[in-house]
Amino acid sequence: MEIQNQLIKLLATLLVIVFALSTPVLLLAVMLSKIGEFFKYKSPKSIIGEVAVVTGAAHGLGRAIALELAELGCHIAVVDIDIKGAEETVEKIHQISRVKAKAYKVNVTSFTEIADLNAKVTRDFGMVTILINNAGVLLLRNPLDPAPEDVQRMIDVNLTSHFWTKIVFLPTMKRLRKGNIVTISSASSLLPFAYHTTYTATKFGATGHMKALQLELAVEKQHDIHVTTVMPMFLDTNDEVSELAYISKVNRLYPLIRGETVARRIVKGMLAGEREIKIPFIVDILHRILNLLPLNWQERLVLLFASNMFLSYKEISLNAKIPKQ
């Protein structure tokens, strides 16, 4: 048994070496592929008449995504715990489009409510083929010693809810052999943010969840169900977060991004079948460069450019209010 284990280790090591040696060839292939995609015209996928569920759509990015989808002819289930805001989103949809839209008050952390939502939307509009996991919370109260209920709420909304929506909505997509699942993660799942470990961990989990799901769909040859993970930096869609970003000088690293701009990019990427969308693109570049370095060097570089920002963020966060979901 010991000899067998040693042989397995040796084989694994050889495979890693072969992979490392072939990296330049793989990089060249990727570059040529990207160049080919740039010159190759591909008509956008039509979603006219399809049914989309958008969570956290009462305001902000969720509302902007719902409006983008509606303009393309998609019927929208506007889902949020804030029913008044959700109904306002529905009104805005009806102002720009003739598609069907309805507000649903749902606690996304409840599996039962998600299952009931599916039944209601199917009855009202038809089978759901587009799922946008947008609902999320960033609780700014006392990041050094958060209340247990705050930690649990972030985990439940930002991560656990994604498992419930997948369990409920994915089987229909598999039967139809088509669909789109979009998860709004965060740039913090690529470049961790100090003093918000819970939020960062939930976004790492959301990104990992989608990577694993993509593999499952590939194994099952469900090639027409597309999975897209979105990793944006700070957006201007929440007044308190925006104010905090300006005071702590986060915006000096990169200006806050308009929610409408991000929503447009998300829908465009979803229709093109993109698996990951990093906003802005500089996030992707920084992430790839840092990952080439040893861990201690990664930490040194991050502290060199961002330590003062982290300290300012820490100080201000202690007195910040909690944004609404």
Protein backbone atom coordinates (compact mmCIF):
# COMPACT_ATOMS: atom_id res chain seq x y z
CA MET A 1 0.00 0.00 0.00
CA GLU A 2 2.84 2.40 0.86
CA ILE A 3 4.52 1.77 -2.50
CA GLN A 4 1.22 2.33 -4.28
CA ASN A 5 0.71 5.64 -2.45
CA GLN A 6 4.22 6.78 -3.38
CA LEU A 7 3.57 5.94 -7.03
CA ILE A 8 0.32 7.92 -6.95
CA LYS A 9 2.15 10.91 -5.45
CA LEU A 10 4.87 10.63 -8.10
CA LEU A 11 2.30 10.48 -10.90
CA ALA A 12 0.48 13.52 -9.51
CA THR A 13 3.77 15.44 -9.31
CA LEU A 14 4.65 14.53 -12.90
CA LEU A 15 1.23 15.70 -14.09
CA VAL A 16 1.72 19.05 -12.36
CA ILE A 17 5.16 19.44 -13.95
CA VAL A 18 3.77 18.64 -17.41
CA PHE A 19 0.97 21.14 -16.86
CA ALA A 20 3.44 23.83 -15.75
CA LEU A 21 5.65 23.23 -18.79
CA SER A 22 2.66 23.45 -21.11
CA THR A 23 1.45 26.75 -19.61
CA PRO A 24 2.99 28.96 -22.36
CA VAL A 25 1.25 26.88 -25.04
CA LEU A 26 -2.05 27.08 -23.16
CA LEU A 27 -1.71 30.85 -22.74
CA LEU A 28 -1.04 31.25 -26.47
CA ALA A 29 -4.12 29.16 -27.25
CA VAL A 30 -6.24 31.32 -24.95
CA MET A 31 -4.92 34.52 -26.54
CA LEU A 32 -5.65 33.25 -30.05
CA SER A 33 -9.12 32.18 -28.94
CA LYS A 34 -9.85 35.64 -27.49
CA ILE A 35 -8.62 37.32 -30.68
CA GLY A 36 -10.86 35.03 -32.71
CA GLU A 37 -13.88 35.88 -30.55
CA PHE A 38 -13.19 39.59 -31.06
CA PHE A 39 -13.43 39.31 -34.85
CA LYS A 40 -16.19 36.72 -34.93
CA TYR A 41 -19.69 38.21 -34.91
CA LYS A 42 -22.21 36.35 -32.80
CA SER A 43 -25.82 37.48 -32.70
CA PRO A 44 -27.05 37.95 -29.13
CA LYS A 45 -29.34 35.33 -27.65
CA SER A 46 -33.02 36.27 -27.64
CA ILE A 47 -34.87 36.08 -24.32
CA ILE A 48 -38.20 37.44 -25.55
CA GLY A 49 -41.01 35.75 -23.64
CA GLU A 50 -38.73 34.02 -21.14
CA VAL A 51 -39.34 34.26 -17.39
CA ALA A 52 -36.72 35.69 -15.03
CA VAL A 53 -36.58 35.69 -11.25
CA VAL A 54 -34.48 38.56 -9.88
CA THR A 55 -33.87 38.53 -6.13
CA GLY A 56 -33.09 41.73 -4.25
CA ALA A 57 -34.80 43.67 -7.04
CA ALA A 58 -36.53 46.34 -4.93
CA HIS A 59 -33.71 48.80 -5.53
CA GLY A 60 -30.10 49.19 -6.63
CA LEU A 61 -28.41 46.68 -8.88
CA GLY A 62 -31.29 44.20 -8.74
CA ARG A 63 -33.73 46.81 -9.99
CA ALA A 64 -31.32 47.85 -12.76
CA ILE A 65 -30.92 44.23 -13.90
CA ALA A 66 -34.70 43.72 -13.88
CA LEU A 67 -35.14 46.80 -16.08
CA GLU A 68 -32.44 45.62 -18.51
CA LEU A 69 -34.07 42.20 -18.86
CA ALA A 70 -37.52 43.75 -19.31
CA GLU A 71 -36.27 45.94 -22.14
CA LEU A 72 -35.19 42.74 -23.91
CA GLY A 73 -38.69 41.26 -23.66
CA CYS A 74 -38.30 39.09 -20.59
CA HIS A 75 -41.13 38.67 -18.07
CA ILE A 76 -39.88 39.60 -14.59
CA ALA A 77 -40.61 38.24 -11.12
CA VAL A 78 -39.40 41.05 -8.87
CA VAL A 79 -38.40 39.38 -5.60
CA ASP A 80 -37.51 41.16 -2.37
CA ILE A 81 -38.30 41.32 1.34
CA ASP A 82 -39.13 45.00 0.70
CA ILE A 83 -42.46 44.65 -1.10
CA LYS A 84 -42.97 48.40 -1.49
CA GLY A 85 -39.64 48.78 -3.29
CA ALA A 86 -40.41 45.69 -5.38
CA GLU A 87 -43.73 47.19 -6.47
CA GLU A 88 -41.94 50.41 -7.44
CA THR A 89 -39.62 48.33 -9.62
CA VAL A 90 -42.65 46.75 -11.29
CA GLU A 91 -44.04 50.23 -12.01
CA LYS A 92 -40.76 51.25 -13.61
CA ILE A 93 -40.77 48.09 -15.74
CA HIS A 94 -44.28 48.85 -17.01
CA GLN A 95 -43.16 52.37 -17.93
CA ILE A 96 -40.53 51.05 -20.36
CA SER A 97 -41.91 47.70 -21.53
CA ARG A 98 -45.09 45.71 -22.15
CA VAL A 99 -43.73 42.57 -20.53
CA LYS A 100 -45.41 40.97 -17.54
CA ALA A 101 -43.96 41.89 -14.16
CA LYS A 102 -45.06 41.21 -10.61
CA ALA A 103 -43.67 41.87 -7.14
CA TYR A 104 -43.24 38.99 -4.69
CA LYS A 105 -42.42 39.44 -1.02
CA VAL A 106 -39.98 36.66 -0.20
CA ASN A 107 -37.40 35.98 2.48
CA VAL A 108 -34.70 34.36 0.36
CA THR A 109 -33.20 32.63 3.41
CA SER A 110 -36.31 30.44 3.66
CA PHE A 111 -36.37 27.33 1.47
CA THR A 112 -40.14 27.05 1.88
CA GLU A 113 -40.71 30.60 0.64
CA ILE A 114 -38.44 30.02 -2.37
CA ALA A 115 -40.35 26.84 -3.24
CA ASP A 116 -43.67 28.71 -2.91
CA LEU A 117 -42.24 31.49 -5.10
CA ASN A 118 -41.50 29.01 -7.89
CA ALA A 119 -45.07 27.72 -7.80
CA LYS A 120 -46.51 31.26 -7.91
CA VAL A 121 -44.25 32.48 -10.72
CA THR A 122 -44.90 29.36 -12.79
CA ARG A 123 -48.63 29.91 -12.35
CA ASP A 124 -48.42 33.63 -13.16
CA PHE A 125 -45.87 33.67 -16.00
CA GLY A 126 -44.64 30.19 -16.87
CA MET A 127 -41.52 28.17 -16.15
CA VAL A 128 -38.46 30.09 -14.95
CA THR A 129 -35.43 29.91 -17.26
CA ILE A 130 -33.42 32.86 -15.91
CA LEU A 131 -32.37 33.15 -12.27
CA ILE A 132 -30.52 36.20 -10.95
CA ASN A 133 -29.15 35.65 -7.43
CA ASN A 134 -28.69 39.30 -6.51
CA ALA A 135 -30.03 39.59 -2.94
CA GLY A 136 -27.20 40.40 -0.56
CA VAL A 137 -26.35 42.30 2.60
CA LEU A 138 -23.23 44.05 3.85
CA LEU A 139 -23.74 44.76 7.55
CA LEU A 140 -21.37 47.51 8.62
CA ARG A 141 -22.00 47.40 12.37
CA ASN A 142 -18.94 46.59 14.51
CA PRO A 143 -16.85 44.57 12.01
CA LEU A 144 -14.28 43.65 14.67
CA ASP A 145 -16.82 42.00 16.94
CA PRO A 146 -20.03 41.46 14.95
CA ALA A 147 -23.18 40.28 16.63
CA PRO A 148 -23.88 36.57 16.00
CA GLU A 149 -27.21 37.44 14.36
CA ASP A 150 -25.42 39.77 11.91
CA VAL A 151 -22.95 37.04 10.96
CA GLN A 152 -25.73 34.51 10.48
CA ARG A 153 -27.84 36.91 8.43
CA MET A 154 -24.99 37.64 6.01
CA ILE A 155 -24.30 33.93 5.59
CA ASP A 156 -27.98 33.13 5.06
CA VAL A 157 -28.70 35.93 2.57
CA ASN A 158 -25.38 36.02 0.69
CA LEU A 159 -24.74 32.28 0.46
CA THR A 160 -27.35 29.87 1.82
CA SER A 161 -30.11 31.42 -0.29
CA HIS A 162 -28.17 30.48 -3.43
CA PHE A 163 -28.44 26.80 -2.52
CA TRP A 164 -32.20 27.14 -2.05
CA THR A 165 -32.73 28.89 -5.39
CA LYS A 166 -30.55 26.34 -7.18
CA ILE A 167 -32.41 23.40 -5.64
CA VAL A 168 -35.78 24.92 -6.56
CA PHE A 169 -35.20 26.39 -10.03
CA LEU A 170 -32.47 24.24 -11.60
CA PRO A 171 -34.52 21.04 -12.10
CA THR A 172 -36.89 22.84 -14.49
CA MET A 173 -33.95 24.22 -16.47
CA LYS A 174 -32.51 20.71 -16.71
CA ARG A 175 -35.79 19.33 -18.02
CA LEU A 176 -36.00 22.12 -20.59
CA ARG A 177 -32.26 21.78 -21.27
CA LYS A 178 -31.81 25.54 -21.23
CA GLY A 179 -31.41 28.35 -18.74
CA ASN A 180 -29.21 30.99 -17.17
CA ILE A 181 -28.11 31.30 -13.55
CA VAL A 182 -26.37 34.53 -12.62
CA THR A 183 -24.88 35.05 -9.18
CA ILE A 184 -23.80 38.49 -8.00
CA SER A 185 -20.69 37.78 -5.97
CA SER A 186 -18.06 40.46 -5.27
CA ALA A 187 -14.52 41.50 -6.10
CA SER A 188 -13.82 40.64 -2.47
CA SER A 189 -14.01 36.97 -3.49
CA LEU A 190 -10.87 37.65 -5.55
CA LEU A 191 -9.21 40.38 -3.49
CA PRO A 192 -10.25 39.93 0.18
CA PHE A 193 -11.31 43.02 2.11
CA ALA A 194 -9.89 43.42 5.62
CA TYR A 195 -12.33 43.96 8.50
CA HIS A 196 -15.22 42.36 6.67
CA THR A 197 -14.28 38.71 6.97
CA THR A 198 -17.87 37.45 7.11
CA TYR A 199 -18.91 39.28 3.96
CA THR A 200 -15.73 38.21 2.17
CA ALA A 201 -16.23 34.59 3.20
CA THR A 202 -19.82 34.55 1.93
CA LYS A 203 -18.69 35.89 -1.44
CA PHE A 204 -15.87 33.33 -1.67
CA GLY A 205 -18.54 30.72 -1.01
CA ALA A 206 -20.88 32.11 -3.66
CA THR A 207 -18.10 32.08 -6.25
CA GLY A 208 -17.03 28.56 -5.31
CA HIS A 209 -20.63 27.36 -5.45
CA MET A 210 -20.94 28.56 -9.03
CA LYS A 211 -17.63 27.03 -10.10
CA ALA A 212 -18.73 23.65 -8.74
CA LEU A 213 -22.15 23.98 -10.38
CA GLN A 214 -20.52 24.76 -13.72
CA LEU A 215 -18.54 21.52 -13.48
CA GLU A 216 -21.66 19.54 -12.60
CA LEU A 217 -23.48 20.88 -15.65
CA ALA A 218 -20.48 20.08 -17.85
CA VAL A 219 -20.37 16.49 -16.55
CA GLU A 220 -24.10 16.13 -17.26
CA LYS A 221 -23.63 17.68 -20.73
CA GLN A 222 -26.15 20.43 -19.94
CA HIS A 223 -24.37 22.78 -22.32
CA ASP A 224 -27.36 25.09 -22.78
CA ILE A 225 -27.62 25.96 -19.09
CA HIS A 226 -25.18 28.81 -18.58
CA VAL A 227 -23.71 29.84 -15.24
CA THR A 228 -22.34 33.36 -14.77
CA THR A 229 -20.58 34.74 -11.69
CA VAL A 230 -20.31 38.52 -11.39
CA MET A 231 -17.57 40.06 -9.23
CA PRO A 232 -17.95 43.86 -9.07
CA MET A 233 -16.16 46.40 -6.90
CA PHE A 234 -18.03 49.07 -4.93
CA LEU A 235 -21.18 50.34 -6.66
CA ASP A 236 -23.05 53.60 -6.20
CA THR A 237 -26.37 51.83 -5.62
CA ASN A 238 -26.43 52.21 -1.81
CA ASP A 239 -26.13 55.67 -0.25
CA GLU A 240 -24.56 54.51 3.02
CA VAL A 241 -22.02 52.26 1.32
CA SER A 242 -21.20 55.06 -1.13
CA GLU A 243 -20.68 57.54 1.70
CA LEU A 244 -18.50 55.06 3.57
CA ALA A 245 -16.43 54.42 0.44
CA TYR A 246 -15.76 58.13 -0.02
CA ILE A 247 -14.94 58.82 3.63
CA SER A 248 -12.59 55.82 3.88
CA LYS A 249 -11.02 56.75 0.51
CA VAL A 250 -11.89 53.41 -1.08
CA ASN A 251 -12.88 55.39 -4.16
CA ARG A 252 -9.26 56.48 -4.59
CA LEU A 253 -8.39 52.93 -5.64
CA TYR A 254 -11.15 53.01 -8.23
CA PRO A 255 -14.24 55.25 -8.58
CA LEU A 256 -17.63 53.89 -7.60
CA ILE A 257 -19.37 52.21 -10.53
CA ARG A 258 -22.89 53.09 -11.66
CA GLY A 259 -25.41 50.34 -11.08
CA GLU A 260 -26.97 50.80 -14.53
CA THR A 261 -23.56 50.34 -16.18
CA VAL A 262 -22.96 47.12 -14.25
CA ALA A 263 -26.47 45.81 -14.98
CA ARG A 264 -25.99 46.39 -18.71
CA ARG A 265 -22.65 44.56 -18.62
CA ILE A 266 -24.13 41.67 -16.65
CA VAL A 267 -27.02 41.09 -19.05
CA LYS A 268 -24.74 41.38 -22.06
CA GLY A 269 -22.31 38.87 -20.55
CA MET A 270 -25.13 36.50 -19.59
CA LEU A 271 -26.49 36.49 -23.14
CA ALA A 272 -22.98 35.82 -24.47
CA GLY A 273 -22.58 32.86 -22.12
CA GLU A 274 -19.70 34.37 -20.12
CA ARG A 275 -18.83 32.34 -17.04
CA GLU A 276 -17.19 35.12 -15.03
CA ILE A 277 -17.56 38.88 -15.20
CA LYS A 278 -15.10 41.00 -13.21
CA ILE A 279 -15.96 44.68 -12.94
CA PRO A 280 -13.86 46.67 -13.63
CA PHE A 281 -11.44 44.56 -15.71
CA ILE A 282 -8.53 45.80 -13.57
CA VAL A 283 -9.78 43.49 -10.80
CA ASP A 284 -9.10 40.48 -13.00
CA ILE A 285 -5.61 41.72 -13.90
CA LEU A 286 -4.66 42.42 -10.26
CA HIS A 287 -5.99 39.05 -9.16
CA ARG A 288 -4.01 37.15 -11.78
CA ILE A 289 -0.79 39.05 -11.07
CA LEU A 290 -1.05 38.58 -7.31
CA ASN A 291 -1.68 34.85 -7.68
CA LEU A 292 1.66 34.47 -9.44
CA LEU A 293 3.44 35.61 -6.25
CA PRO A 294 4.12 33.79 -2.97
CA LEU A 295 1.51 34.46 -0.28
CA ASN A 296 3.76 36.67 1.84
CA TRP A 297 4.54 38.84 -1.20
CA GLN A 298 0.84 39.08 -2.03
CA GLU A 299 0.20 40.36 1.48
CA ARG A 300 3.04 42.87 1.32
CA LEU A 301 1.80 44.36 -1.94
CA VAL A 302 -1.78 44.63 -0.72
CA LEU A 303 -0.67 46.34 2.50
CA LEU A 304 1.61 48.67 0.57
CA PHE A 305 -1.27 50.07 -1.45
CA ALA A 306 -4.28 49.52 0.80
CA SER A 307 -3.30 49.40 4.50
CA ASN A 308 -4.28 53.04 5.17
CA MET A 309 -7.59 52.49 3.43
CA PHE A 310 -8.28 49.38 5.51
CA LEU A 311 -7.53 51.27 8.73
CA SER A 312 -9.80 54.14 7.72
CA TYR A 313 -12.51 51.69 6.76
CA LYS A 314 -12.17 49.94 10.12
CA GLU A 315 -12.52 53.17 12.08
CA ILE A 316 -15.50 54.45 10.12
CA SER A 317 -17.29 51.09 9.97
CA LEU A 318 -17.50 50.98 13.76
CA ASN A 319 -19.99 53.85 13.69
CA ALA A 320 -21.75 53.06 10.41
CA LYS A 321 -25.43 52.22 10.07
CA ILE A 322 -26.76 49.03 8.56
CA PRO A 323 -27.88 49.32 4.94
CA LYS A 324 -31.24 47.86 4.03
CA GLN A 325 -31.36 44.52 2.26
